[in-house]
Amino acid sequence: DVRRRTRVGLPIRYLVPRSVADYIAANGL
């Protein structure tokens, strides 16, 4: 679900640690 939300632009904050959300965004995962 986290991957799908990322792909369609929905928020993942409060689902993953903030540092992980930032890493996903910074690396385009």
mmCIF file of all heavy atoms, coordinates in Angstrom:
data_MODEL
# 
_entry.id   MODEL 
# 
loop_
_atom_site.group_PDB 
_atom_site.id 
_atom_site.type_symbol 
_atom_site.label_atom_id 
_atom_site.label_alt_id 
_atom_site.label_comp_id 
_atom_site.label_asym_id 
_atom_site.label_entity_id 
_atom_site.label_seq_id 
_atom_site.pdbx_PDB_ins_code 
_atom_site.Cartn_x 
_atom_site.Cartn_y 
_atom_site.Cartn_z 
_atom_site.occupancy 
_atom_site.B_iso_or_equiv 
_atom_site.pdbx_formal_charge 
_atom_site.auth_seq_id 
_atom_site.auth_comp_id 
_atom_site.auth_asym_id 
_atom_site.auth_atom_id 
_atom_site.pdbx_PDB_model_num 
ATOM 1   N N   . ASP A 1 1  ? 0.824  -1.204 0.000  1.00 0.00 ? 1  ASP A N   1 
ATOM 2   C CA  . ASP A 1 1  ? 0.000  0.000  0.000  1.00 0.00 ? 1  ASP A CA  1 
ATOM 3   C C   . ASP A 1 1  ? 0.860  1.257  0.000  1.00 0.00 ? 1  ASP A C   1 
ATOM 4   O O   . ASP A 1 1  ? 0.551  2.241  -0.684 1.00 0.00 ? 1  ASP A O   1 
ATOM 5   C CB  . ASP A 1 1  ? -0.935 0.007  1.207  1.00 0.00 ? 1  ASP A CB  1 
ATOM 6   C CG  . ASP A 1 1  ? -1.950 1.136  1.134  1.00 0.00 ? 1  ASP A CG  1 
ATOM 7   O OD1 . ASP A 1 1  ? -2.546 1.331  0.053  1.00 0.00 ? 1  ASP A OD1 1 
ATOM 8   O OD2 . ASP A 1 1  ? -2.137 1.833  2.145  1.00 0.00 ? 1  ASP A OD2 1 
ATOM 9   N N   . VAL A 1 2  ? 1.974  1.232  0.739  1.00 0.00 ? 2  VAL A N   1 
ATOM 10  C CA  . VAL A 1 2  ? 2.876  2.394  0.752  1.00 0.00 ? 2  VAL A CA  1 
ATOM 11  C C   . VAL A 1 2  ? 3.411  2.649  -0.658 1.00 0.00 ? 2  VAL A C   1 
ATOM 12  O O   . VAL A 1 2  ? 3.459  3.796  -1.122 1.00 0.00 ? 2  VAL A O   1 
ATOM 13  C CB  . VAL A 1 2  ? 4.034  2.187  1.752  1.00 0.00 ? 2  VAL A CB  1 
ATOM 14  C CG1 . VAL A 1 2  ? 5.085  3.286  1.603  1.00 0.00 ? 2  VAL A CG1 1 
ATOM 15  C CG2 . VAL A 1 2  ? 3.502  2.159  3.186  1.00 0.00 ? 2  VAL A CG2 1 
ATOM 16  N N   . ARG A 1 3  ? 3.810  1.575  -1.360 1.00 0.00 ? 3  ARG A N   1 
ATOM 17  C CA  . ARG A 1 3  ? 4.317  1.748  -2.730 1.00 0.00 ? 3  ARG A CA  1 
ATOM 18  C C   . ARG A 1 3  ? 3.232  2.308  -3.652 1.00 0.00 ? 3  ARG A C   1 
ATOM 19  O O   . ARG A 1 3  ? 3.478  3.212  -4.459 1.00 0.00 ? 3  ARG A O   1 
ATOM 20  C CB  . ARG A 1 3  ? 4.836  0.414  -3.272 1.00 0.00 ? 3  ARG A CB  1 
ATOM 21  C CG  . ARG A 1 3  ? 6.046  -0.114 -2.532 1.00 0.00 ? 3  ARG A CG  1 
ATOM 22  C CD  . ARG A 1 3  ? 6.725  -1.257 -3.266 1.00 0.00 ? 3  ARG A CD  1 
ATOM 23  N NE  . ARG A 1 3  ? 5.887  -2.401 -3.518 1.00 0.00 ? 3  ARG A NE  1 
ATOM 24  C CZ  . ARG A 1 3  ? 5.765  -3.462 -2.710 1.00 0.00 ? 3  ARG A CZ  1 
ATOM 25  N NH1 . ARG A 1 3  ? 6.426  -3.497 -1.554 1.00 0.00 ? 3  ARG A NH1 1 
ATOM 26  N NH2 . ARG A 1 3  ? 5.005  -4.483 -3.039 1.00 0.00 ? 3  ARG A NH2 1 
ATOM 27  N N   . ARG A 1 4  ? 2.024  1.781  -3.535 1.00 0.00 ? 4  ARG A N   1 
ATOM 28  C CA  . ARG A 1 4  ? 0.938  2.250  -4.397 1.00 0.00 ? 4  ARG A CA  1 
ATOM 29  C C   . ARG A 1 4  ? 0.598  3.709  -4.118 1.00 0.00 ? 4  ARG A C   1 
ATOM 30  O O   . ARG A 1 4  ? 0.363  4.495  -5.046 1.00 0.00 ? 4  ARG A O   1 
ATOM 31  C CB  . ARG A 1 4  ? -0.306 1.374  -4.197 1.00 0.00 ? 4  ARG A CB  1 
ATOM 32  C CG  . ARG A 1 4  ? -0.156 0.005  -4.829 1.00 0.00 ? 4  ARG A CG  1 
ATOM 33  C CD  . ARG A 1 4  ? -1.447 -0.791 -4.752 1.00 0.00 ? 4  ARG A CD  1 
ATOM 34  N NE  . ARG A 1 4  ? -1.265 -2.064 -5.428 1.00 0.00 ? 4  ARG A NE  1 
ATOM 35  C CZ  . ARG A 1 4  ? -1.691 -3.232 -4.979 1.00 0.00 ? 4  ARG A CZ  1 
ATOM 36  N NH1 . ARG A 1 4  ? -2.339 -3.294 -3.834 1.00 0.00 ? 4  ARG A NH1 1 
ATOM 37  N NH2 . ARG A 1 4  ? -1.485 -4.332 -5.657 1.00 0.00 ? 4  ARG A NH2 1 
ATOM 38  N N   . ARG A 1 5  ? 0.544  4.069  -2.845 1.00 0.00 ? 5  ARG A N   1 
ATOM 39  C CA  . ARG A 1 5  ? 0.239  5.455  -2.485 1.00 0.00 ? 5  ARG A CA  1 
ATOM 40  C C   . ARG A 1 5  ? 1.313  6.396  -3.033 1.00 0.00 ? 5  ARG A C   1 
ATOM 41  O O   . ARG A 1 5  ? 1.010  7.476  -3.537 1.00 0.00 ? 5  ARG A O   1 
ATOM 42  C CB  . ARG A 1 5  ? 0.110  5.599  -0.963 1.00 0.00 ? 5  ARG A CB  1 
ATOM 43  C CG  . ARG A 1 5  ? -1.107 4.885  -0.389 1.00 0.00 ? 5  ARG A CG  1 
ATOM 44  C CD  . ARG A 1 5  ? -1.153 4.997  1.130  1.00 0.00 ? 5  ARG A CD  1 
ATOM 45  N NE  . ARG A 1 5  ? -1.426 6.363  1.532  1.00 0.00 ? 5  ARG A NE  1 
ATOM 46  C CZ  . ARG A 1 5  ? -2.640 6.901  1.613  1.00 0.00 ? 5  ARG A CZ  1 
ATOM 47  N NH1 . ARG A 1 5  ? -3.713 6.178  1.340  1.00 0.00 ? 5  ARG A NH1 1 
ATOM 48  N NH2 . ARG A 1 5  ? -2.795 8.161  1.985  1.00 0.00 ? 5  ARG A NH2 1 
ATOM 49  N N   . THR A 1 6  ? 2.562  5.974  -2.931 1.00 0.00 ? 6  THR A N   1 
ATOM 50  C CA  . THR A 1 6  ? 3.658  6.799  -3.456 1.00 0.00 ? 6  THR A CA  1 
ATOM 51  C C   . THR A 1 6  ? 3.488  7.000  -4.957 1.00 0.00 ? 6  THR A C   1 
ATOM 52  O O   . THR A 1 6  ? 3.618  8.117  -5.470 1.00 0.00 ? 6  THR A O   1 
ATOM 53  C CB  . THR A 1 6  ? 5.016  6.127  -3.161 1.00 0.00 ? 6  THR A CB  1 
ATOM 54  O OG1 . THR A 1 6  ? 5.155  5.962  -1.750 1.00 0.00 ? 6  THR A OG1 1 
ATOM 55  C CG2 . THR A 1 6  ? 6.163  6.965  -3.680 1.00 0.00 ? 6  THR A CG2 1 
ATOM 56  N N   . ARG A 1 7  ? 3.158  5.921  -5.637 1.00 0.00 ? 7  ARG A N   1 
ATOM 57  C CA  . ARG A 1 7  ? 3.055  5.985  -7.088 1.00 0.00 ? 7  ARG A CA  1 
ATOM 58  C C   . ARG A 1 7  ? 1.958  6.942  -7.549 1.00 0.00 ? 7  ARG A C   1 
ATOM 59  O O   . ARG A 1 7  ? 2.103  7.629  -8.555 1.00 0.00 ? 7  ARG A O   1 
ATOM 60  C CB  . ARG A 1 7  ? 2.801  4.578  -7.658 1.00 0.00 ? 7  ARG A CB  1 
ATOM 61  C CG  . ARG A 1 7  ? 2.953  4.512  -9.168 1.00 0.00 ? 7  ARG A CG  1 
ATOM 62  C CD  . ARG A 1 7  ? 2.864  3.092  -9.693 1.00 0.00 ? 7  ARG A CD  1 
ATOM 63  N NE  . ARG A 1 7  ? 1.556  2.525  -9.474 1.00 0.00 ? 7  ARG A NE  1 
ATOM 64  C CZ  . ARG A 1 7  ? 1.317  1.423  -8.755 1.00 0.00 ? 7  ARG A CZ  1 
ATOM 65  N NH1 . ARG A 1 7  ? 2.306  0.776  -8.175 1.00 0.00 ? 7  ARG A NH1 1 
ATOM 66  N NH2 . ARG A 1 7  ? 0.099  0.956  -8.618 1.00 0.00 ? 7  ARG A NH2 1 
ATOM 67  N N   . VAL A 1 8  ? 0.854  7.001  -6.797 1.00 0.00 ? 8  VAL A N   1 
ATOM 68  C CA  . VAL A 1 8  ? -0.261 7.851  -7.239 1.00 0.00 ? 8  VAL A CA  1 
ATOM 69  C C   . VAL A 1 8  ? -0.283 9.198  -6.522 1.00 0.00 ? 8  VAL A C   1 
ATOM 70  O O   . VAL A 1 8  ? -1.221 9.983  -6.676 1.00 0.00 ? 8  VAL A O   1 
ATOM 71  C CB  . VAL A 1 8  ? -1.629 7.131  -7.069 1.00 0.00 ? 8  VAL A CB  1 
ATOM 72  C CG1 . VAL A 1 8  ? -1.662 5.876  -7.921 1.00 0.00 ? 8  VAL A CG1 1 
ATOM 73  C CG2 . VAL A 1 8  ? -1.926 6.828  -5.606 1.00 0.00 ? 8  VAL A CG2 1 
ATOM 74  N N   . GLY A 1 9  ? 0.770  9.473  -5.724 1.00 0.00 ? 9  GLY A N   1 
ATOM 75  C CA  . GLY A 1 9  ? 0.897  10.790 -5.123 1.00 0.00 ? 9  GLY A CA  1 
ATOM 76  C C   . GLY A 1 9  ? 0.116  11.002 -3.836 1.00 0.00 ? 9  GLY A C   1 
ATOM 77  O O   . GLY A 1 9  ? -0.114 12.149 -3.430 1.00 0.00 ? 9  GLY A O   1 
ATOM 78  N N   . LEU A 1 10 ? -0.307 9.931  -3.172 1.00 0.00 ? 10 LEU A N   1 
ATOM 79  C CA  . LEU A 1 10 ? -0.994 10.067 -1.883 1.00 0.00 ? 10 LEU A CA  1 
ATOM 80  C C   . LEU A 1 10 ? 0.041  10.104 -0.756 1.00 0.00 ? 10 LEU A C   1 
ATOM 81  O O   . LEU A 1 10 ? 1.138  9.559  -0.894 1.00 0.00 ? 10 LEU A O   1 
ATOM 82  C CB  . LEU A 1 10 ? -1.965 8.900  -1.666 1.00 0.00 ? 10 LEU A CB  1 
ATOM 83  C CG  . LEU A 1 10 ? -3.190 8.896  -2.588 1.00 0.00 ? 10 LEU A CG  1 
ATOM 84  C CD1 . LEU A 1 10 ? -3.981 7.603  -2.407 1.00 0.00 ? 10 LEU A CD1 1 
ATOM 85  C CD2 . LEU A 1 10 ? -4.070 10.109 -2.308 1.00 0.00 ? 10 LEU A CD2 1 
ATOM 86  N N   . PRO A 1 11 ? -0.294 10.720 0.375  1.00 0.00 ? 11 PRO A N   1 
ATOM 87  C CA  . PRO A 1 11 ? 0.691  10.840 1.455  1.00 0.00 ? 11 PRO A CA  1 
ATOM 88  C C   . PRO A 1 11 ? 1.017  9.502  2.110  1.00 0.00 ? 11 PRO A C   1 
ATOM 89  O O   . PRO A 1 11 ? 0.136  8.643  2.245  1.00 0.00 ? 11 PRO A O   1 
ATOM 90  C CB  . PRO A 1 11 ? 0.009  11.783 2.460  1.00 0.00 ? 11 PRO A CB  1 
ATOM 91  C CG  . PRO A 1 11 ? -1.447 11.693 2.166  1.00 0.00 ? 11 PRO A CG  1 
ATOM 92  C CD  . PRO A 1 11 ? -1.566 11.397 0.701  1.00 0.00 ? 11 PRO A CD  1 
ATOM 93  N N   . ILE A 1 12 ? 2.280  9.358  2.501  1.00 0.00 ? 12 ILE A N   1 
ATOM 94  C CA  . ILE A 1 12 ? 2.699  8.166  3.242  1.00 0.00 ? 12 ILE A CA  1 
ATOM 95  C C   . ILE A 1 12 ? 3.207  8.535  4.634  1.00 0.00 ? 12 ILE A C   1 
ATOM 96  O O   . ILE A 1 12 ? 3.600  7.671  5.403  1.00 0.00 ? 12 ILE A O   1 
ATOM 97  C CB  . ILE A 1 12 ? 3.771  7.351  2.483  1.00 0.00 ? 12 ILE A CB  1 
ATOM 98  C CG1 . ILE A 1 12 ? 5.020  8.197  2.211  1.00 0.00 ? 12 ILE A CG1 1 
ATOM 99  C CG2 . ILE A 1 12 ? 3.187  6.780  1.193  1.00 0.00 ? 12 ILE A CG2 1 
ATOM 100 C CD1 . ILE A 1 12 ? 6.193  7.386  1.659  1.00 0.00 ? 12 ILE A CD1 1 
ATOM 101 N N   . ARG A 1 13 ? 3.173  9.826  4.959  1.00 0.00 ? 13 ARG A N   1 
ATOM 102 C CA  . ARG A 1 13 ? 3.558  10.244 6.302  1.00 0.00 ? 13 ARG A CA  1 
ATOM 103 C C   . ARG A 1 13 ? 2.603  9.603  7.300  1.00 0.00 ? 13 ARG A C   1 
ATOM 104 O O   . ARG A 1 13 ? 1.422  9.449  7.025  1.00 0.00 ? 13 ARG A O   1 
ATOM 105 C CB  . ARG A 1 13 ? 3.513  11.764 6.411  1.00 0.00 ? 13 ARG A CB  1 
ATOM 106 C CG  . ARG A 1 13 ? 4.232  12.247 7.650  1.00 0.00 ? 13 ARG A CG  1 
ATOM 107 C CD  . ARG A 1 13 ? 4.445  13.732 7.641  1.00 0.00 ? 13 ARG A CD  1 
ATOM 108 N NE  . ARG A 1 13 ? 5.007  14.147 8.915  1.00 0.00 ? 13 ARG A NE  1 
ATOM 109 C CZ  . ARG A 1 13 ? 5.009  15.377 9.365  1.00 0.00 ? 13 ARG A CZ  1 
ATOM 110 N NH1 . ARG A 1 13 ? 4.481  16.332 8.634  1.00 0.00 ? 13 ARG A NH1 1 
ATOM 111 N NH2 . ARG A 1 13 ? 5.526  15.678 10.532 1.00 0.00 ? 13 ARG A NH2 1 
ATOM 112 N N   . TYR A 1 14 ? 3.095  9.217  8.435  1.00 0.00 ? 14 TYR A N   1 
ATOM 113 C CA  . TYR A 1 14 ? 2.372  8.484  9.479  1.00 0.00 ? 14 TYR A CA  1 
ATOM 114 C C   . TYR A 1 14 ? 2.193  7.011  9.136  1.00 0.00 ? 14 TYR A C   1 
ATOM 115 O O   . TYR A 1 14 ? 1.617  6.261  9.918  1.00 0.00 ? 14 TYR A O   1 
ATOM 116 C CB  . TYR A 1 14 ? 1.020  9.134  9.822  1.00 0.00 ? 14 TYR A CB  1 
ATOM 117 C CG  . TYR A 1 14 ? 1.155  10.599 10.122 1.00 0.00 ? 14 TYR A CG  1 
ATOM 118 C CD1 . TYR A 1 14 ? 0.539  11.549 9.311  1.00 0.00 ? 14 TYR A CD1 1 
ATOM 119 C CD2 . TYR A 1 14 ? 1.941  11.042 11.187 1.00 0.00 ? 14 TYR A CD2 1 
ATOM 120 C CE1 . TYR A 1 14 ? 0.683  12.904 9.565  1.00 0.00 ? 14 TYR A CE1 1 
ATOM 121 C CE2 . TYR A 1 14 ? 2.094  12.402 11.446 1.00 0.00 ? 14 TYR A CE2 1 
ATOM 122 C CZ  . TYR A 1 14 ? 1.468  13.324 10.636 1.00 0.00 ? 14 TYR A CZ  1 
ATOM 123 O OH  . TYR A 1 14 ? 1.623  14.659 10.890 1.00 0.00 ? 14 TYR A OH  1 
ATOM 124 N N   . LEU A 1 15 ? 2.665  6.581  7.977  1.00 0.00 ? 15 LEU A N   1 
ATOM 125 C CA  . LEU A 1 15 ? 2.709  5.157  7.636  1.00 0.00 ? 15 LEU A CA  1 
ATOM 126 C C   . LEU A 1 15 ? 4.131  4.631  7.727  1.00 0.00 ? 15 LEU A C   1 
ATOM 127 O O   . LEU A 1 15 ? 4.345  3.456  8.036  1.00 0.00 ? 15 LEU A O   1 
ATOM 128 C CB  . LEU A 1 15 ? 2.165  4.913  6.224  1.00 0.00 ? 15 LEU A CB  1 
ATOM 129 C CG  . LEU A 1 15 ? 0.725  5.359  5.963  1.00 0.00 ? 15 LEU A CG  1 
ATOM 130 C CD1 . LEU A 1 15 ? 0.355  5.092  4.504  1.00 0.00 ? 15 LEU A CD1 1 
ATOM 131 C CD2 . LEU A 1 15 ? -0.248 4.661  6.902  1.00 0.00 ? 15 LEU A CD2 1 
ATOM 132 N N   . VAL A 1 16 ? 5.094  5.501  7.427  1.00 0.00 ? 16 VAL A N   1 
ATOM 133 C CA  . VAL A 1 16 ? 6.521  5.163  7.522  1.00 0.00 ? 16 VAL A CA  1 
ATOM 134 C C   . VAL A 1 16 ? 7.190  6.250  8.358  1.00 0.00 ? 16 VAL A C   1 
ATOM 135 O O   . VAL A 1 16 ? 6.659  7.356  8.483  1.00 0.00 ? 16 VAL A O   1 
ATOM 136 C CB  . VAL A 1 16 ? 7.194  5.078  6.123  1.00 0.00 ? 16 VAL A CB  1 
ATOM 137 C CG1 . VAL A 1 16 ? 6.542  4.007  5.258  1.00 0.00 ? 16 VAL A CG1 1 
ATOM 138 C CG2 . VAL A 1 16 ? 7.167  6.431  5.416  1.00 0.00 ? 16 VAL A CG2 1 
ATOM 139 N N   . PRO A 1 17 ? 8.362  5.980  8.942  1.00 0.00 ? 17 PRO A N   1 
ATOM 140 C CA  . PRO A 1 17 ? 9.070  7.051  9.642  1.00 0.00 ? 17 PRO A CA  1 
ATOM 141 C C   . PRO A 1 17 ? 9.334  8.213  8.687  1.00 0.00 ? 17 PRO A C   1 
ATOM 142 O O   . PRO A 1 17 ? 9.520  8.020  7.487  1.00 0.00 ? 17 PRO A O   1 
ATOM 143 C CB  . PRO A 1 17 ? 10.383 6.387  10.070 1.00 0.00 ? 17 PRO A CB  1 
ATOM 144 C CG  . PRO A 1 17 ? 10.073 4.930  10.132 1.00 0.00 ? 17 PRO A CG  1 
ATOM 145 C CD  . PRO A 1 17 ? 9.076  4.691  9.038  1.00 0.00 ? 17 PRO A CD  1 
ATOM 146 N N   . ARG A 1 18 ? 9.346  9.423  9.230  1.00 0.00 ? 18 ARG A N   1 
ATOM 147 C CA  . ARG A 1 18 ? 9.537  10.597 8.373  1.00 0.00 ? 18 ARG A CA  1 
ATOM 148 C C   . ARG A 1 18 ? 10.841 10.503 7.587  1.00 0.00 ? 18 ARG A C   1 
ATOM 149 O O   . ARG A 1 18 ? 10.907 10.879 6.414  1.00 0.00 ? 18 ARG A O   1 
ATOM 150 C CB  . ARG A 1 18 ? 9.523  11.872 9.224  1.00 0.00 ? 18 ARG A CB  1 
ATOM 151 C CG  . ARG A 1 18 ? 9.636  13.113 8.376  1.00 0.00 ? 18 ARG A CG  1 
ATOM 152 C CD  . ARG A 1 18 ? 9.290  14.354 9.139  1.00 0.00 ? 18 ARG A CD  1 
ATOM 153 N NE  . ARG A 1 18 ? 9.232  15.492 8.226  1.00 0.00 ? 18 ARG A NE  1 
ATOM 154 C CZ  . ARG A 1 18 ? 8.671  16.636 8.530  1.00 0.00 ? 18 ARG A CZ  1 
ATOM 155 N NH1 . ARG A 1 18 ? 8.091  16.803 9.693  1.00 0.00 ? 18 ARG A NH1 1 
ATOM 156 N NH2 . ARG A 1 18 ? 8.681  17.636 7.664  1.00 0.00 ? 18 ARG A NH2 1 
ATOM 157 N N   . SER A 1 19 ? 11.901 9.988  8.236  1.00 0.00 ? 19 SER A N   1 
ATOM 158 C CA  . SER A 1 19 ? 13.189 9.870  7.542  1.00 0.00 ? 19 SER A CA  1 
ATOM 159 C C   . SER A 1 19 ? 13.083 8.936  6.341  1.00 0.00 ? 19 SER A C   1 
ATOM 160 O O   . SER A 1 19 ? 13.735 9.148  5.316  1.00 0.00 ? 19 SER A O   1 
ATOM 161 C CB  . SER A 1 19 ? 14.265 9.368  8.511  1.00 0.00 ? 19 SER A CB  1 
ATOM 162 O OG  . SER A 1 19 ? 13.898 8.108  9.063  1.00 0.00 ? 19 SER A OG  1 
ATOM 163 N N   . VAL A 1 20 ? 12.243 7.902  6.461  1.00 0.00 ? 20 VAL A N   1 
ATOM 164 C CA  . VAL A 1 20 ? 12.050 6.961  5.352  1.00 0.00 ? 20 VAL A CA  1 
ATOM 165 C C   . VAL A 1 20 ? 11.235 7.622  4.241  1.00 0.00 ? 20 VAL A C   1 
ATOM 166 O O   . VAL A 1 20 ? 11.552 7.475  3.051  1.00 0.00 ? 20 VAL A O   1 
ATOM 167 C CB  . VAL A 1 20 ? 11.390 5.665  5.856  1.00 0.00 ? 20 VAL A CB  1 
ATOM 168 C CG1 . VAL A 1 20 ? 10.987 4.757  4.692  1.00 0.00 ? 20 VAL A CG1 1 
ATOM 169 C CG2 . VAL A 1 20 ? 12.342 4.919  6.801  1.00 0.00 ? 20 VAL A CG2 1 
ATOM 170 N N   . ALA A 1 21 ? 10.207 8.369  4.616  1.00 0.00 ? 21 ALA A N   1 
ATOM 171 C CA  . ALA A 1 21 ? 9.419  9.092  3.602  1.00 0.00 ? 21 ALA A CA  1 
ATOM 172 C C   . ALA A 1 21 ? 10.310 10.066 2.831  1.00 0.00 ? 21 ALA A C   1 
ATOM 173 O O   . ALA A 1 21 ? 10.222 10.177 1.600  1.00 0.00 ? 21 ALA A O   1 
ATOM 174 C CB  . ALA A 1 21 ? 8.262  9.838  4.265  1.00 0.00 ? 21 ALA A CB  1 
ATOM 175 N N   . ASP A 1 22 ? 11.184 10.770 3.551  1.00 0.00 ? 22 ASP A N   1 
ATOM 176 C CA  . ASP A 1 22 ? 12.097 11.707 2.905  1.00 0.00 ? 22 ASP A CA  1 
ATOM 177 C C   . ASP A 1 22 ? 13.054 10.982 1.965  1.00 0.00 ? 22 ASP A C   1 
ATOM 178 O O   . ASP A 1 22 ? 13.370 11.465 0.871  1.00 0.00 ? 22 ASP A O   1 
ATOM 179 C CB  . ASP A 1 22 ? 12.894 12.486 3.957  1.00 0.00 ? 22 ASP A CB  1 
ATOM 180 C CG  . ASP A 1 22 ? 12.030 13.473 4.738  1.00 0.00 ? 22 ASP A CG  1 
ATOM 181 O OD1 . ASP A 1 22 ? 10.889 13.754 4.303  1.00 0.00 ? 22 ASP A OD1 1 
ATOM 182 O OD2 . ASP A 1 22 ? 12.498 13.946 5.794  1.00 0.00 ? 22 ASP A OD2 1 
ATOM 183 N N   . TYR A 1 23 ? 13.529 9.801  2.392  1.00 0.00 ? 23 TYR A N   1 
ATOM 184 C CA  . TYR A 1 23 ? 14.457 9.018  1.566  1.00 0.00 ? 23 TYR A CA  1 
ATOM 185 C C   . TYR A 1 23 ? 13.767 8.550  0.282  1.00 0.00 ? 23 TYR A C   1 
ATOM 186 O O   . TYR A 1 23 ? 14.344 8.615  -0.811 1.00 0.00 ? 23 TYR A O   1 
ATOM 187 C CB  . TYR A 1 23 ? 14.973 7.816  2.367  1.00 0.00 ? 23 TYR A CB  1 
ATOM 188 C CG  . TYR A 1 23 ? 16.017 6.997  1.646  1.00 0.00 ? 23 TYR A CG  1 
ATOM 189 C CD1 . TYR A 1 23 ? 17.373 7.248  1.826  1.00 0.00 ? 23 TYR A CD1 1 
ATOM 190 C CD2 . TYR A 1 23 ? 15.656 5.969  0.773  1.00 0.00 ? 23 TYR A CD2 1 
ATOM 191 C CE1 . TYR A 1 23 ? 18.332 6.504  1.157  1.00 0.00 ? 23 TYR A CE1 1 
ATOM 192 C CE2 . TYR A 1 23 ? 16.613 5.218  0.103  1.00 0.00 ? 23 TYR A CE2 1 
ATOM 193 C CZ  . TYR A 1 23 ? 17.950 5.491  0.302  1.00 0.00 ? 23 TYR A CZ  1 
ATOM 194 O OH  . TYR A 1 23 ? 18.907 4.758  -0.369 1.00 0.00 ? 23 TYR A OH  1 
ATOM 195 N N   . ILE A 1 24 ? 12.533 8.081  0.426  1.00 0.00 ? 24 ILE A N   1 
ATOM 196 C CA  . ILE A 1 24 ? 11.772 7.625  -0.750 1.00 0.00 ? 24 ILE A CA  1 
ATOM 197 C C   . ILE A 1 24 ? 11.627 8.766  -1.756 1.00 0.00 ? 24 ILE A C   1 
ATOM 198 O O   . ILE A 1 24 ? 11.845 8.592  -2.962 1.00 0.00 ? 24 ILE A O   1 
ATOM 199 C CB  . ILE A 1 24 ? 10.397 7.084  -0.312 1.00 0.00 ? 24 ILE A CB  1 
ATOM 200 C CG1 . ILE A 1 24 ? 10.574 5.738  0.412  1.00 0.00 ? 24 ILE A CG1 1 
ATOM 201 C CG2 . ILE A 1 24 ? 9.450  6.936  -1.502 1.00 0.00 ? 24 ILE A CG2 1 
ATOM 202 C CD1 . ILE A 1 24 ? 9.326  5.232  1.115  1.00 0.00 ? 24 ILE A CD1 1 
ATOM 203 N N   . ALA A 1 25 ? 11.279 9.958  -1.249 1.00 0.00 ? 25 ALA A N   1 
ATOM 204 C CA  . ALA A 1 25 ? 11.106 11.114 -2.136 1.00 0.00 ? 25 ALA A CA  1 
ATOM 205 C C   . ALA A 1 25 ? 12.434 11.531 -2.767 1.00 0.00 ? 25 ALA A C   1 
ATOM 206 O O   . ALA A 1 25 ? 12.508 11.784 -3.979 1.00 0.00 ? 25 ALA A O   1 
ATOM 207 C CB  . ALA A 1 25 ? 10.501 12.276 -1.345 1.00 0.00 ? 25 ALA A CB  1 
ATOM 208 N N   . ALA A 1 26 ? 13.486 11.571 -1.961 1.00 0.00 ? 26 ALA A N   1 
ATOM 209 C CA  . ALA A 1 26 ? 14.787 12.039 -2.458 1.00 0.00 ? 26 ALA A CA  1 
ATOM 210 C C   . ALA A 1 26 ? 15.350 11.105 -3.521 1.00 0.00 ? 26 ALA A C   1 
ATOM 211 O O   . ALA A 1 26 ? 16.063 11.541 -4.428 1.00 0.00 ? 26 ALA A O   1 
ATOM 212 C CB  . ALA A 1 26 ? 15.774 12.170 -1.297 1.00 0.00 ? 26 ALA A CB  1 
ATOM 213 N N   . ASN A 1 27 ? 15.028 9.810  -3.414 1.00 0.00 ? 27 ASN A N   1 
ATOM 214 C CA  . ASN A 1 27 ? 15.585 8.826  -4.347 1.00 0.00 ? 27 ASN A CA  1 
ATOM 215 C C   . ASN A 1 27 ? 14.597 8.397  -5.429 1.00 0.00 ? 27 ASN A C   1 
ATOM 216 O O   . ASN A 1 27 ? 14.906 7.516  -6.237 1.00 0.00 ? 27 ASN A O   1 
ATOM 217 C CB  . ASN A 1 27 ? 16.086 7.608  -3.573 1.00 0.00 ? 27 ASN A CB  1 
ATOM 218 C CG  . ASN A 1 27 ? 17.333 7.919  -2.778 1.00 0.00 ? 27 ASN A CG  1 
ATOM 219 O OD1 . ASN A 1 27 ? 18.434 7.899  -3.310 1.00 0.00 ? 27 ASN A OD1 1 
ATOM 220 N ND2 . ASN A 1 27 ? 17.160 8.237  -1.496 1.00 0.00 ? 27 ASN A ND2 1 
ATOM 221 N N   . GLY A 1 28 ? 13.421 9.003  -5.422 1.00 0.00 ? 28 GLY A N   1 
ATOM 222 C CA  . GLY A 1 28 ? 12.438 8.688  -6.459 1.00 0.00 ? 28 GLY A CA  1 
ATOM 223 C C   . GLY A 1 28 ? 11.987 7.242  -6.449 1.00 0.00 ? 28 GLY A C   1 
ATOM 224 O O   . GLY A 1 28 ? 11.660 6.684  -7.506 1.00 0.00 ? 28 GLY A O   1 
ATOM 225 N N   . LEU A 1 29 ? 11.942 6.630  -5.264 1.00 0.00 ? 29 LEU A N   1 
ATOM 226 C CA  . LEU A 1 29 ? 11.540 5.223  -5.190 1.00 0.00 ? 29 LEU A CA  1 
ATOM 227 C C   . LEU A 1 29 ? 10.024 5.086  -5.347 1.00 0.00 ? 29 LEU A C   1 
ATOM 228 O O   . LEU A 1 29 ? 9.259  5.933  -4.877 1.00 0.00 ? 29 LEU A O   1 
ATOM 229 C CB  . LEU A 1 29 ? 11.953 4.614  -3.847 1.00 0.00 ? 29 LEU A CB  1 
ATOM 230 C CG  . LEU A 1 29 ? 13.437 4.605  -3.521 1.00 0.00 ? 29 LEU A CG  1 
ATOM 231 C CD1 . LEU A 1 29 ? 13.673 3.899  -2.185 1.00 0.00 ? 29 LEU A CD1 1 
ATOM 232 C CD2 . LEU A 1 29 ? 14.232 3.897  -4.618 1.00 0.00 ? 29 LEU A CD2 1 
# 
